[in-house]
PDB file of N, CA and C in Angstrom:
ATOM      1  N   MET A   1       0.677  -1.164  -0.005  1.00  0.00           N
ATOM      2  CA  MET A   1       0.422  -0.019   0.010  1.00  0.00           C
ATOM      3  C   MET A   1       1.002   1.420   0.252  1.00  0.00           C
ATOM      4  N   SER A   2       0.664   2.251  -0.947  1.00  0.00           N
ATOM      5  CA  SER A   2       1.533   3.295  -0.803  1.00  0.00           C
ATOM      6  C   SER A   2       0.831   4.234   0.322  1.00  0.00           C
ATOM      7  N   LYS A   3       2.326   5.014   0.357  1.00  0.00           N
ATOM      8  CA  LYS A   3       2.095   5.874   1.496  1.00  0.00           C
ATOM      9  C   LYS A   3       0.969   6.834   1.711  1.00  0.00           C
ATOM     10  N   ASN A   4       0.402   7.341   0.396  1.00  0.00           N
ATOM     11  CA  ASN A   4      -0.422   8.495   0.026  1.00  0.00           C
ATOM     12  C   ASN A   4      -1.723   7.556   0.019  1.00  0.00           C
ATOM     13  N   ILE A   5      -1.751   6.289  -0.125  1.00  0.00           N
ATOM     14  CA  ILE A   5      -2.899   5.622  -0.216  1.00  0.00           C
ATOM     15  C   ILE A   5      -3.517   5.349   1.495  1.00  0.00           C
ATOM     16  N   LEU A   6      -1.980   5.218   2.576  1.00  0.00           N
ATOM     17  CA  LEU A   6      -2.429   4.566   3.374  1.00  0.00           C
ATOM     18  C   LEU A   6      -3.142   6.229   4.589  1.00  0.00           C
ATOM     19  N   ARG A   7      -2.034   7.281   4.079  1.00  0.00           N
ATOM     20  CA  ARG A   7      -2.199   8.358   4.906  1.00  0.00           C
ATOM     21  C   ARG A   7      -3.716   8.659   4.617  1.00  0.00           C
ATOM     22  N   LYS A   8      -4.324   8.886   3.532  1.00  0.00           N
ATOM     23  CA  LYS A   8      -5.560   8.946   3.283  1.00  0.00           C
ATOM     24  C   LYS A   8      -6.786   8.071   4.340  1.00  0.00           C
ATOM     25  N   LYS A   9      -5.946   6.743   4.006  1.00  0.00           N
ATOM     26  CA  LYS A   9      -7.424   5.961   5.158  1.00  0.00           C
ATOM     27  C   LYS A   9      -6.999   6.507   6.796  1.00  0.00           C
ATOM     28  N   LEU A  10      -5.839   6.825   6.933  1.00  0.00           N
ATOM     29  CA  LEU A  10      -5.765   6.886   8.045  1.00  0.00           C
ATOM     30  C   LEU A  10      -6.405   8.098   8.687  1.00  0.00           C
ATOM     31  N   ILE A  11      -6.402   9.362   7.812  1.00  0.00           N
ATOM     32  CA  ILE A  11      -7.553  10.464   7.617  1.00  0.00           C
ATOM     33  C   ILE A  11      -8.574  10.481   7.788  1.00  0.00           C
ATOM     34  N   LYS A  12      -9.298   9.515   7.267  1.00  0.00           N
ATOM     35  CA  LYS A  12     -10.308   9.130   6.972  1.00  0.00           C
ATOM     36  C   LYS A  12     -10.943   8.420   8.396  1.00  0.00           C
ATOM     37  N   ILE A  13     -10.150   7.613   9.324  1.00  0.00           N
ATOM     38  CA  ILE A  13     -10.542   7.198  10.452  1.00  0.00           C
ATOM     39  C   ILE A  13     -10.716   7.952  11.689  1.00  0.00           C
ATOM     40  N   ARG A  14      -9.507   8.925  11.384  1.00  0.00           N
ATOM     41  CA  ARG A  14      -9.399  10.257  12.800  1.00  0.00           C
ATOM     42  C   ARG A  14     -10.294  10.822  12.394  1.00  0.00           C
ATOM     43  N   LYS A  15     -10.990  11.264  11.331  1.00  0.00           N
ATOM     44  CA  LYS A  15     -12.379  12.195  11.219  1.00  0.00           C
ATOM     45  C   LYS A  15     -13.490  11.300  11.812  1.00  0.00           C
ATOM     46  N   ASN A  16     -13.464   9.986  11.722  1.00  0.00           N
ATOM     47  CA  ASN A  16     -14.867   9.546  11.466  1.00  0.00           C
ATOM     48  C   ASN A  16     -14.750   8.911  13.282  1.00  0.00           C
ATOM     49  N   ASN A  17     -13.855   8.553  13.704  1.00  0.00           N
ATOM     50  CA  ASN A  17     -13.931   8.312  15.325  1.00  0.00           C
ATOM     51  C   ASN A  17     -13.112   9.312  16.366  1.00  0.00           C
ATOM     52  N   PHE A  18     -12.619  10.429  15.815  1.00  0.00           N
ATOM     53  CA  PHE A  18     -12.165  11.643  16.626  1.00  0.00           C
ATOM     54  C   PHE A  18     -11.522  12.450  16.714  1.00  0.00           C
ATOM     55  N   LEU A  19     -13.634  13.264  16.360  1.00  0.00           N
ATOM     56  CA  LEU A  19     -13.664  14.409  15.904  1.00  0.00           C
ATOM     57  C   LEU A  19     -13.939  15.048  17.093  1.00  0.00           C
ATOM     58  N   ASP A  20     -14.091  16.332  17.399  1.00  0.00           N
ATOM     59  CA  ASP A  20     -13.599  17.066  18.590  1.00  0.00           C
ATOM     60  C   ASP A  20     -13.132  16.987  19.407  1.00  0.00           C
ATOM     61  N   GLN A  21     -11.797  16.125  19.444  1.00  0.00           N
ATOM     62  CA  GLN A  21     -11.135  15.544  20.493  1.00  0.00           C
ATOM     63  C   GLN A  21     -10.470  17.053  21.288  1.00  0.00           C
ATOM     64  N   THR A  22     -10.607  17.070  22.564  1.00  0.00           N
ATOM     65  CA  THR A  22      -9.235  17.845  22.787  1.00  0.00           C
ATOM     66  C   THR A  22      -8.267  17.067  23.746  1.00  0.00           C
ATOM     67  N   ILE A  23      -7.706  18.272  24.534  1.00  0.00           N
ATOM     68  CA  ILE A  23      -6.153  17.903  25.811  1.00  0.00           C
ATOM     69  C   ILE A  23      -6.887  18.618  26.216  1.00  0.00           C
ATOM     70  N   SER A  24      -6.625  17.736  27.844  1.00  0.00           N
ATOM     71  CA  SER A  24      -6.974  18.032  29.011  1.00  0.00           C
ATOM     72  C   SER A  24      -5.941  18.761  30.027  1.00  0.00           C
ATOM     73  N   PHE A  25      -6.246  19.961  30.535  1.00  0.00           N
ATOM     74  CA  PHE A  25      -5.434  20.747  30.948  1.00  0.00           C
ATOM     75  C   PHE A  25      -4.844  20.559  32.203  1.00  0.00           C
ATOM     76  N   VAL A  26      -6.187  19.359  33.525  1.00  0.00           N
ATOM     77  CA  VAL A  26      -5.364  18.766  34.309  1.00  0.00           C
ATOM     78  C   VAL A  26      -4.348  17.701  33.709  1.00  0.00           C
ATOM     79  N   ARG A  27      -4.556  16.435  32.781  1.00  0.00           N
ATOM     80  CA  ARG A  27      -3.144  16.279  32.603  1.00  0.00           C
ATOM     81  C   ARG A  27      -2.001  16.973  31.838  1.00  0.00           C
ATOM     82  N   PHE A  28      -2.329  17.778  31.288  1.00  0.00           N
ATOM     83  CA  PHE A  28      -1.115  18.603  30.689  1.00  0.00           C
ATOM     84  C   PHE A  28      -0.172  19.186  31.630  1.00  0.00           C
ATOM     85  N   LYS A  29      -1.452  19.705  32.726  1.00  0.00           N
ATOM     86  CA  LYS A  29      -0.533  20.284  34.200  1.00  0.00           C
ATOM     87  C   LYS A  29       0.577  19.239  34.986  1.00  0.00           C
ATOM     88  N   LYS A  30      -0.292  18.014  34.828  1.00  0.00           N
ATOM     89  CA  LYS A  30       0.797  16.804  35.487  1.00  0.00           C
ATOM     90  C   LYS A  30       1.710  16.799  34.873  1.00  0.00           C
ATOM     91  N   ILE A  31       1.983  17.022  33.642  1.00  0.00           N
ATOM     92  CA  ILE A  31       3.146  16.804  33.140  1.00  0.00           C
ATOM     93  C   ILE A  31       4.370  17.750  33.437  1.00  0.00           C
ATOM     94  N   LEU A  32       3.704  18.842  33.134  1.00  0.00           N
ATOM     95  CA  LEU A  32       4.849  20.178  33.398  1.00  0.00           C
ATOM     96  C   LEU A  32       5.001  20.033  34.846  1.00  0.00           C
ATOM     97  N   LYS A  33       4.343  19.265  36.056  1.00  0.00           N
ATOM     98  CA  LYS A  33       5.181  19.044  37.387  1.00  0.00           C
ATOM     99  C   LYS A  33       5.557  17.747  37.474  1.00  0.00           C
ATOM    100  N   LYS A  34       5.549  16.895  36.584  1.00  0.00           N
ATOM    101  CA  LYS A  34       6.547  15.737  36.485  1.00  0.00           C
ATOM    102  C   LYS A  34       8.054  16.319  36.024  1.00  0.00           C
ATOM    103  N   TYR A  35       7.979  16.775  35.405  1.00  0.00           N
ATOM    104  CA  TYR A  35       8.968  17.792  34.608  1.00  0.00           C
ATOM    105  C   TYR A  35       9.729  18.738  35.457  1.00  0.00           C
ATOM    106  N   ASN A  36       8.752  19.220  36.703  1.00  0.00           N
ATOM    107  CA  ASN A  36       9.258  20.487  37.004  1.00  0.00           C
ATOM    108  C   ASN A  36       9.378  21.598  36.140  1.00  0.00           C
ATOM    109  N   LEU A  37       8.816  21.926  35.130  1.00  0.00           N
ATOM    110  CA  LEU A  37       8.952  22.808  34.552  1.00  0.00           C
ATOM    111  C   LEU A  37       8.394  24.521  35.484  1.00  0.00           C
ATOM    112  N   LYS A  38       8.759  25.485  35.046  1.00  0.00           N
ATOM    113  CA  LYS A  38       8.835  26.645  35.805  1.00  0.00           C
ATOM    114  C   LYS A  38       8.009  27.456  34.583  1.00  0.00           C
ATOM    115  N   LYS A  39       7.354  28.680  35.174  1.00  0.00           N
ATOM    116  CA  LYS A  39       6.353  29.554  34.368  1.00  0.00           C
ATOM    117  C   LYS A  39       7.450  30.373  33.182  1.00  0.00           C
ATOM    118  N   ASN A  40       8.540  30.047  33.267  1.00  0.00           N
ATOM    119  CA  ASN A  40       9.415  31.147  32.587  1.00  0.00           C
ATOM    120  C   ASN A  40      10.110  30.476  31.217  1.00  0.00           C
ATOM    121  N   ILE A  41       9.373  28.901  30.949  1.00  0.00           N
ATOM    122  CA  ILE A  41       9.889  28.796  29.820  1.00  0.00           C
ATOM    123  C   ILE A  41       8.699  29.021  28.889  1.00  0.00           C
ATOM    124  N   ASN A  42       9.353  27.948  27.372  1.00  0.00           N
ATOM    125  CA  ASN A  42       8.719  28.453  26.575  1.00  0.00           C
ATOM    126  C   ASN A  42       7.745  27.371  25.848  1.00  0.00           C
ATOM    127  N   ILE A  43       6.646  26.950  25.678  1.00  0.00           N
ATOM    128  CA  ILE A  43       5.682  26.078  25.454  1.00  0.00           C
ATOM    129  C   ILE A  43       5.368  25.838  23.725  1.00  0.00           C
ATOM    130  N   GLY A  44       6.123  25.079  22.937  1.00  0.00           N
ATOM    131  CA  GLY A  44       5.515  24.782  21.444  1.00  0.00           C
ATOM    132  C   GLY A  44       4.202  23.961  21.584  1.00  0.00           C
ATOM    133  N   GLY A  45       3.482  24.622  20.696  1.00  0.00           N
ATOM    134  CA  GLY A  45       2.481  23.869  20.405  1.00  0.00           C
ATOM    135  C   GLY A  45       1.952  23.937  19.182  1.00  0.00           C
ATOM    136  N   TYR A  46       0.773  23.475  18.231  1.00  0.00           N
ATOM    137  CA  TYR A  46       0.753  23.684  17.144  1.00  0.00           C
ATOM    138  C   TYR A  46      -0.794  24.183  16.792  1.00  0.00           C
ATOM    139  N   TYR A  47      -1.368  24.744  16.202  1.00  0.00           N
ATOM    140  CA  TYR A  47      -2.667  25.089  15.351  1.00  0.00           C
ATOM    141  C   TYR A  47      -3.500  24.565  14.474  1.00  0.00           C
ATOM    142  N   PRO A  48      -4.349  23.583  14.994  1.00  0.00           N
ATOM    143  CA  PRO A  48      -4.943  22.494  14.467  1.00  0.00           C
ATOM    144  C   PRO A  48      -5.420  22.719  13.281  1.00  0.00           C
ATOM    145  N   ILE A  49      -5.401  21.923  12.322  1.00  0.00           N
ATOM    146  CA  ILE A  49      -6.033  21.801  11.269  1.00  0.00           C
ATOM    147  C   ILE A  49      -6.925  20.541  10.570  1.00  0.00           C
ATOM    148  N   ASN A  50      -7.821  20.459  10.123  1.00  0.00           N
ATOM    149  CA  ASN A  50      -8.879  19.017   9.734  1.00  0.00           C
ATOM    150  C   ASN A  50      -9.115  19.262  10.872  1.00  0.00           C
ATOM    151  N   SER A  51      -9.123  17.768  11.165  1.00  0.00           N
ATOM    152  CA  SER A  51      -9.569  16.549  12.206  1.00  0.00           C
ATOM    153  C   SER A  51      -8.701  16.372  13.150  1.00  0.00           C
ATOM    154  N   GLU A  52      -7.343  17.491  13.291  1.00  0.00           N
ATOM    155  CA  GLU A  52      -5.824  17.287  14.243  1.00  0.00           C
ATOM    156  C   GLU A  52      -6.850  17.679  15.626  1.00  0.00           C
ATOM    157  N   ILE A  53      -6.281  17.009  17.021  1.00  0.00           N
ATOM    158  CA  ILE A  53      -6.551  17.185  17.842  1.00  0.00           C
ATOM    159  C   ILE A  53      -6.073  18.771  18.640  1.00  0.00           C
ATOM    160  N   SER A  54      -6.933  19.543  19.260  1.00  0.00           N
ATOM    161  CA  SER A  54      -6.749  20.530  19.416  1.00  0.00           C
ATOM    162  C   SER A  54      -5.840  21.173  20.731  1.00  0.00           C
ATOM    163  N   CYS A  55      -5.039  21.849  20.872  1.00  0.00           N
ATOM    164  CA  CYS A  55      -4.357  21.897  22.077  1.00  0.00           C
ATOM    165  C   CYS A  55      -4.592  23.065  22.298  1.00  0.00           C
ATOM    166  N   LEU A  56      -5.409  23.950  21.685  1.00  0.00           N
ATOM    167  CA  LEU A  56      -5.504  25.584  22.067  1.00  0.00           C
ATOM    168  C   LEU A  56      -6.221  25.738  23.421  1.00  0.00           C
ATOM    169  N   ASP A  57      -7.011  25.195  23.901  1.00  0.00           N
ATOM    170  CA  ASP A  57      -7.355  25.590  25.006  1.00  0.00           C
ATOM    171  C   ASP A  57      -6.313  25.473  25.952  1.00  0.00           C
ATOM    172  N   VAL A  58      -5.449  24.648  25.849  1.00  0.00           N
ATOM    173  CA  VAL A  58      -4.447  24.472  26.601  1.00  0.00           C
ATOM    174  C   VAL A  58      -3.621  25.517  26.236  1.00  0.00           C
ATOM    175  N   LEU A  59      -2.984  25.634  25.502  1.00  0.00           N
ATOM    176  CA  LEU A  59      -2.279  26.614  24.997  1.00  0.00           C
ATOM    177  C   LEU A  59      -2.576  27.747  25.915  1.00  0.00           C
ATOM    178  N   GLU A  60      -4.039  28.585  25.340  1.00  0.00           N
ATOM    179  CA  GLU A  60      -4.578  29.860  26.244  1.00  0.00           C
ATOM    180  C   GLU A  60      -4.289  29.798  27.429  1.00  0.00           C
ATOM    181  N   ILE A  61      -4.961  29.287  28.214  1.00  0.00           N
ATOM    182  CA  ILE A  61      -4.786  28.831  29.920  1.00  0.00           C
ATOM    183  C   ILE A  61      -3.162  29.251  30.009  1.00  0.00           C
ATOM    184  N   LEU A  62      -2.133  28.328  29.911  1.00  0.00           N
ATOM    185  CA  LEU A  62      -0.913  28.415  29.713  1.00  0.00           C
ATOM    186  C   LEU A  62      -0.417  30.099  29.504  1.00  0.00           C
ATOM    187  N   GLU A  63      -0.845  30.382  28.631  1.00  0.00           N
ATOM    188  CA  GLU A  63      -0.503  31.659  28.390  1.00  0.00           C
ATOM    189  C   GLU A  63      -1.459  32.617  29.465  1.00  0.00           C
ATOM    190  N   LYS A  64      -2.026  32.524  29.474  1.00  0.00           N
ATOM    191  CA  LYS A  64      -2.457  33.034  30.655  1.00  0.00           C
ATOM    192  C   LYS A  64      -2.530  32.798  32.075  1.00  0.00           C
ATOM    193  N   ASN A  65      -1.347  31.775  31.895  1.00  0.00           N
ATOM    194  CA  ASN A  65      -0.679  31.660  33.648  1.00  0.00           C
ATOM    195  C   ASN A  65       0.833  32.049  33.341  1.00  0.00           C
ATOM    196  N   ASN A  66       1.051  33.273  32.501  1.00  0.00           N
ATOM    197  CA  ASN A  66       2.325  33.572  32.218  1.00  0.00           C
ATOM    198  C   ASN A  66       3.318  32.579  31.165  1.00  0.00           C
ATOM    199  N   PHE A  67       2.907  31.515  30.832  1.00  0.00           N
ATOM    200  CA  PHE A  67       3.751  31.037  29.988  1.00  0.00           C
ATOM    201  C   PHE A  67       3.852  31.279  28.586  1.00  0.00           C
ATOM    202  N   LYS A  68       5.107  31.270  28.381  1.00  0.00           N
ATOM    203  CA  LYS A  68       5.352  31.654  26.755  1.00  0.00           C
ATOM    204  C   LYS A  68       4.800  30.652  25.545  1.00  0.00           C
ATOM    205  N   ILE A  69       4.163  30.900  24.604  1.00  0.00           N
ATOM    206  CA  ILE A  69       4.018  30.407  23.766  1.00  0.00           C
ATOM    207  C   ILE A  69       4.565  30.277  22.709  1.00  0.00           C
ATOM    208  N   SER A  70       4.977  29.440  21.941  1.00  0.00           N
ATOM    209  CA  SER A  70       5.468  29.099  20.562  1.00  0.00           C
ATOM    210  C   SER A  70       4.639  28.224  19.534  1.00  0.00           C
ATOM    211  N   LEU A  71       4.879  28.770  17.974  1.00  0.00           N
ATOM    212  CA  LEU A  71       3.964  27.800  17.249  1.00  0.00           C
ATOM    213  C   LEU A  71       5.396  27.501  16.077  1.00  0.00           C
ATOM    214  N   PRO A  72       5.239  26.386  14.957  1.00  0.00           N
ATOM    215  CA  PRO A  72       6.146  25.769  14.686  1.00  0.00           C
ATOM    216  C   PRO A  72       5.500  27.182  12.803  1.00  0.00           C
ATOM    217  N   ILE A  73       7.363  27.437  12.254  1.00  0.00           N
ATOM    218  CA  ILE A  73       7.221  27.455  11.285  1.00  0.00           C
ATOM    219  C   ILE A  73       7.767  26.300  10.194  1.00  0.00           C
ATOM    220  N   THR A  74       7.019  25.684   9.199  1.00  0.00           N
ATOM    221  CA  THR A  74       7.682  24.652   8.490  1.00  0.00           C
ATOM    222  C   THR A  74       8.683  25.466   7.415  1.00  0.00           C
ATOM    223  N   LYS A  75       9.460  24.895   6.856  1.00  0.00           N
ATOM    224  CA  LYS A  75      10.695  24.978   5.887  1.00  0.00           C
ATOM    225  C   LYS A  75      10.685  24.560   5.089  1.00  0.00           C
ATOM    226  N   LYS A  76      11.233  24.848   3.570  1.00  0.00           N
ATOM    227  CA  LYS A  76      11.347  24.261   2.648  1.00  0.00           C
ATOM    228  C   LYS A  76      11.585  22.855   2.716  1.00  0.00           C
ATOM    229  N   ASN A  77      12.528  22.705   3.493  1.00  0.00           N
ATOM    230  CA  ASN A  77      12.914  20.466   3.435  1.00  0.00           C
ATOM    231  C   ASN A  77      11.799  20.234   5.095  1.00  0.00           C
ATOM    232  N   ASN A  78      11.145  20.893   5.260  1.00  0.00           N
ATOM    233  CA  ASN A  78      10.168  20.348   6.309  1.00  0.00           C
ATOM    234  C   ASN A  78      10.716  20.089   7.734  1.00  0.00           C
ATOM    235  N   ASN A  79      12.029  21.185   7.662  1.00  0.00           N
ATOM    236  CA  ASN A  79      12.333  21.505   9.251  1.00  0.00           C
ATOM    237  C   ASN A  79      11.319  22.014   9.654  1.00  0.00           C
ATOM    238  N   MET A  80      11.160  22.272  11.084  1.00  0.00           N
ATOM    239  CA  MET A  80      10.538  23.652  11.590  1.00  0.00           C
ATOM    240  C   MET A  80      11.346  23.983  12.874  1.00  0.00           C
ATOM    241  N   ASP A  81      10.959  25.537  13.236  1.00  0.00           N
ATOM    242  CA  ASP A  81      11.297  26.620  13.861  1.00  0.00           C
ATOM    243  C   ASP A  81       9.779  26.973  14.834  1.00  0.00           C
ATOM    244  N   PHE A  82      10.160  27.172  15.640  1.00  0.00           N
ATOM    245  CA  PHE A  82       9.282  27.909  16.572  1.00  0.00           C
ATOM    246  C   PHE A  82       9.772  29.327  16.781  1.00  0.00           C
ATOM    247  N   TYR A  83       8.271  29.952  16.552  1.00  0.00           N
ATOM    248  CA  TYR A  83       8.600  31.224  17.388  1.00  0.00           C
ATOM    249  C   TYR A  83       7.258  31.533  17.916  1.00  0.00           C
ATOM    250  N   GLU A  84       7.980  32.593  18.895  1.00  0.00           N
ATOM    251  CA  GLU A  84       7.009  33.243  19.989  1.00  0.00           C
ATOM    252  C   GLU A  84       5.719  33.832  19.126  1.00  0.00           C
ATOM    253  N   TRP A  85       4.450  33.400  19.877  1.00  0.00           N
ATOM    254  CA  TRP A  85       3.235  33.743  19.683  1.00  0.00           C
ATOM    255  C   TRP A  85       2.234  33.991  20.589  1.00  0.00           C
ATOM    256  N   SER A  86       1.416  34.747  20.552  1.00  0.00           N
ATOM    257  CA  SER A  86      -0.178  35.055  21.720  1.00  0.00           C
ATOM    258  C   SER A  86      -0.929  34.677  20.569  1.00  0.00           C
ATOM    259  N   PHE A  87      -2.011  34.677  21.308  1.00  0.00           N
ATOM    260  CA  PHE A  87      -3.265  34.329  20.881  1.00  0.00           C
ATOM    261  C   PHE A  87      -3.822  36.095  21.008  1.00  0.00           C
ATOM    262  N   HIS A  88      -3.155  36.836  21.163  1.00  0.00           N
ATOM    263  CA  HIS A  88      -3.584  38.554  20.648  1.00  0.00           C
ATOM    264  C   HIS A  88      -2.851  38.626  19.534  1.00  0.00           C
ATOM    265  N   ASP A  89      -1.485  37.963  18.527  1.00  0.00           N
ATOM    266  CA  ASP A  89      -1.245  38.021  17.331  1.00  0.00           C
ATOM    267  C   ASP A  89      -2.111  37.152  16.646  1.00  0.00           C
ATOM    268  N   SER A  90      -1.662  37.389  14.994  1.00  0.00           N
ATOM    269  CA  SER A  90      -2.479  37.166  14.019  1.00  0.00           C
ATOM    270  C   SER A  90      -1.485  36.368  13.211  1.00  0.00           C
ATOM    271  N   LEU A  91      -2.151  35.285  12.626  1.00  0.00           N
ATOM    272  CA  LEU A  91      -0.927  34.056  11.900  1.00  0.00           C
ATOM    273  C   LEU A  91      -1.656  34.408  10.492  1.00  0.00           C
ATOM    274  N   ARG A  92      -0.511  34.039   9.677  1.00  0.00           N
ATOM    275  CA  ARG A  92      -0.501  33.515   8.249  1.00  0.00           C
ATOM    276  C   ARG A  92      -0.731  32.037   7.531  1.00  0.00           C
ATOM    277  N   VAL A  93      -1.749  32.065   6.561  1.00  0.00           N
ATOM    278  CA  VAL A  93      -1.327  30.667   6.264  1.00  0.00           C
ATOM    279  C   VAL A  93      -0.480  30.189   5.159  1.00  0.00           C
ATOM    280  N   SER A  94       0.179  29.297   5.587  1.00  0.00           N
ATOM    281  CA  SER A  94       2.127  28.741   4.781  1.00  0.00           C
ATOM    282  C   SER A  94       1.171  28.232   3.434  1.00  0.00           C
ATOM    283  N   ARG A  95       2.253  27.825   2.638  1.00  0.00           N
ATOM    284  CA  ARG A  95       1.950  27.595   1.223  1.00  0.00           C
ATOM    285  C   ARG A  95       1.252  26.133   1.505  1.00  0.00           C
ATOM    286  N   GLN A  96       1.225  25.123   3.248  1.00  0.00           N
ATOM    287  CA  GLN A  96       0.989  24.132   3.003  1.00  0.00           C
ATOM    288  C   GLN A  96      -0.550  24.440   3.484  1.00  0.00           C
ATOM    289  N   GLY A  97      -1.118  25.317   3.428  1.00  0.00           N
ATOM    290  CA  GLY A  97      -2.320  25.981   4.123  1.00  0.00           C
ATOM    291  C   GLY A  97      -2.367  25.548   5.488  1.00  0.00           C
ATOM    292  N   ILE A  98      -1.360  26.051   6.506  1.00  0.00           N
ATOM    293  CA  ILE A  98      -1.354  25.623   8.060  1.00  0.00           C
ATOM    294  C   ILE A  98      -0.760  26.950   8.638  1.00  0.00           C
ATOM    295  N   PRO A  99      -2.025  27.781   9.371  1.00  0.00           N
ATOM    296  CA  PRO A  99      -1.950  28.975   9.901  1.00  0.00           C
ATOM    297  C   PRO A  99      -0.256  28.733  10.451  1.00  0.00           C
ATOM    298  N   GLU A 100       0.667  29.531  10.712  1.00  0.00           N
ATOM    299  CA  GLU A 100       1.671  30.092  11.151  1.00  0.00           C
ATOM    300  C   GLU A 100       1.958  31.279  11.930  1.00  0.00           C
ATOM    301  N   PRO A 101       3.055  31.626  12.657  1.00  0.00           N
ATOM    302  CA  PRO A 101       3.086  32.949  13.570  1.00  0.00           C
ATOM    303  C   PRO A 101       4.085  33.642  12.825  1.00  0.00           C
ATOM    304  N   ASN A 102       3.877  35.039  12.433  1.00  0.00           N
ATOM    305  CA  ASN A 102       4.835  35.566  11.825  1.00  0.00           C
ATOM    306  C   ASN A 102       6.080  35.643  12.279  1.00  0.00           C
ATOM    307  N   ALA A 103       7.021  35.481  11.338  1.00  0.00           N
ATOM    308  CA  ALA A 103       8.359  35.188  12.247  1.00  0.00           C
ATOM    309  C   ALA A 103       8.984  36.477  12.885  1.00  0.00           C
ATOM    310  N   LYS A 104       8.675  36.403  13.957  1.00  0.00           N
ATOM    311  CA  LYS A 104       9.631  37.651  14.781  1.00  0.00           C
ATOM    312  C   LYS A 104      10.463  37.001  15.507  1.00  0.00           C
ATOM    313  N   LYS A 105      10.145  36.399  16.304  1.00  0.00           N
ATOM    314  CA  LYS A 105      11.347  36.188  17.634  1.00  0.00           C
ATOM    315  C   LYS A 105      11.161  34.561  17.564  1.00  0.00           C
ATOM    316  N   LYS A 106      12.326  33.769  17.295  1.00  0.00           N
ATOM    317  CA  LYS A 106      12.798  32.388  17.425  1.00  0.00           C
ATOM    318  C   LYS A 106      12.433  31.948  19.137  1.00  0.00           C
ATOM    319  N   SER A 107      12.156  30.584  19.095  1.00  0.00           N
ATOM    320  CA  SER A 107      12.274  30.445  20.490  1.00  0.00           C
ATOM    321  C   SER A 107      12.824  28.909  20.600  1.00  0.00           C
ATOM    322  N   TYR A 108      13.148  28.644  21.383  1.00  0.00           N
ATOM    323  CA  TYR A 108      13.569  27.217  21.614  1.00  0.00           C
ATOM    324  C   TYR A 108      12.992  26.485  22.749  1.00  0.00           C
ATOM    325  N   SER A 109      11.682  26.260  22.451  1.00  0.00           N
ATOM    326  CA  SER A 109      10.398  25.705  23.193  1.00  0.00           C
ATOM    327  C   SER A 109      10.719  24.214  24.135  1.00  0.00           C
ATOM    328  N   ARG A 110       9.944  24.343  24.770  1.00  0.00           N
ATOM    329  CA  ARG A 110      10.052  22.596  25.100  1.00  0.00           C
ATOM    330  C   ARG A 110       8.451  22.286  24.241  1.00  0.00           C
ATOM    331  N   CYS A 111       8.882  21.458  23.342  1.00  0.00           N
ATOM    332  CA  CYS A 111       7.487  20.840  23.129  1.00  0.00           C
ATOM    333  C   CYS A 111       7.318  19.354  23.313  1.00  0.00           C
ATOM    334  N   PHE A 112       6.051  19.401  23.675  1.00  0.00           N
ATOM    335  CA  PHE A 112       5.234  18.222  24.192  1.00  0.00           C
ATOM    336  C   PHE A 112       4.427  17.236  23.203  1.00  0.00           C
ATOM    337  N   ASP A 113       4.623  15.968  22.895  1.00  0.00           N
ATOM    338  CA  ASP A 113       3.768  15.457  22.332  1.00  0.00           C
ATOM    339  C   ASP A 113       2.349  15.468  22.739  1.00  0.00           C
ATOM    340  N   CYS A 114       1.254  15.880  22.233  1.00  0.00           N
ATOM    341  CA  CYS A 114       0.107  16.340  22.258  1.00  0.00           C
ATOM    342  C   CYS A 114      -0.627  15.456  22.608  1.00  0.00           C
ATOM    343  N   ALA A 115      -0.480  13.915  21.847  1.00  0.00           N
ATOM    344  CA  ALA A 115      -0.884  12.701  21.390  1.00  0.00           C
ATOM    345  C   ALA A 115      -1.235  12.155  23.351  1.00  0.00           C
ATOM    346  N   SER A 116      -0.109  12.172  24.273  1.00  0.00           N
ATOM    347  CA  SER A 116       0.303  11.738  25.379  1.00  0.00           C
ATOM    348  C   SER A 116      -0.626  12.523  26.141  1.00  0.00           C
ATOM    349  N   CYS A 117      -1.500  13.496  25.974  1.00  0.00           N
ATOM    350  CA  CYS A 117      -1.885  14.649  26.576  1.00  0.00           C
ATOM    351  C   CYS A 117      -3.715  14.277  26.448  1.00  0.00           C
ATOM    352  N   TRP A 118      -4.127  13.237  25.828  1.00  0.00           N
ATOM    353  CA  TRP A 118      -5.626  13.095  25.354  1.00  0.00           C
ATOM    354  C   TRP A 118      -6.317  12.625  26.714  1.00  0.00           C
ATOM    355  N   ILE A 119      -7.701  13.281  26.230  1.00  0.00           N
ATOM    356  CA  ILE A 119      -8.668  12.640  27.478  1.00  0.00           C
ATOM    357  C   ILE A 119      -8.755  11.333  27.852  1.00  0.00           C
TER     358      ILE A 119
END
């Protein structure tokens, strides 16, 4: 089976079975505590598209609690750099159709796999 066909099948399964999934802030808070992360760190997240799990609620709560938030910008070679972003900032749509921050201040974020924070 080709990668393209497999990807389409997996996206269909995700859309049919995991629509409107979010990340539990309570569970995410346990992760922060486990790793003894302080409020002066920068948390890397992503802006969800299509049927991706949304972590925006968690990012918004973190920002309100004085954490710095970063979102990735994907370069031509598919590498990502994270840039500081706030819910007060606008986003631009990339060539892949993904909302990205305006490249202002590059950051070195602690990025967590949001799949480990599912409800």
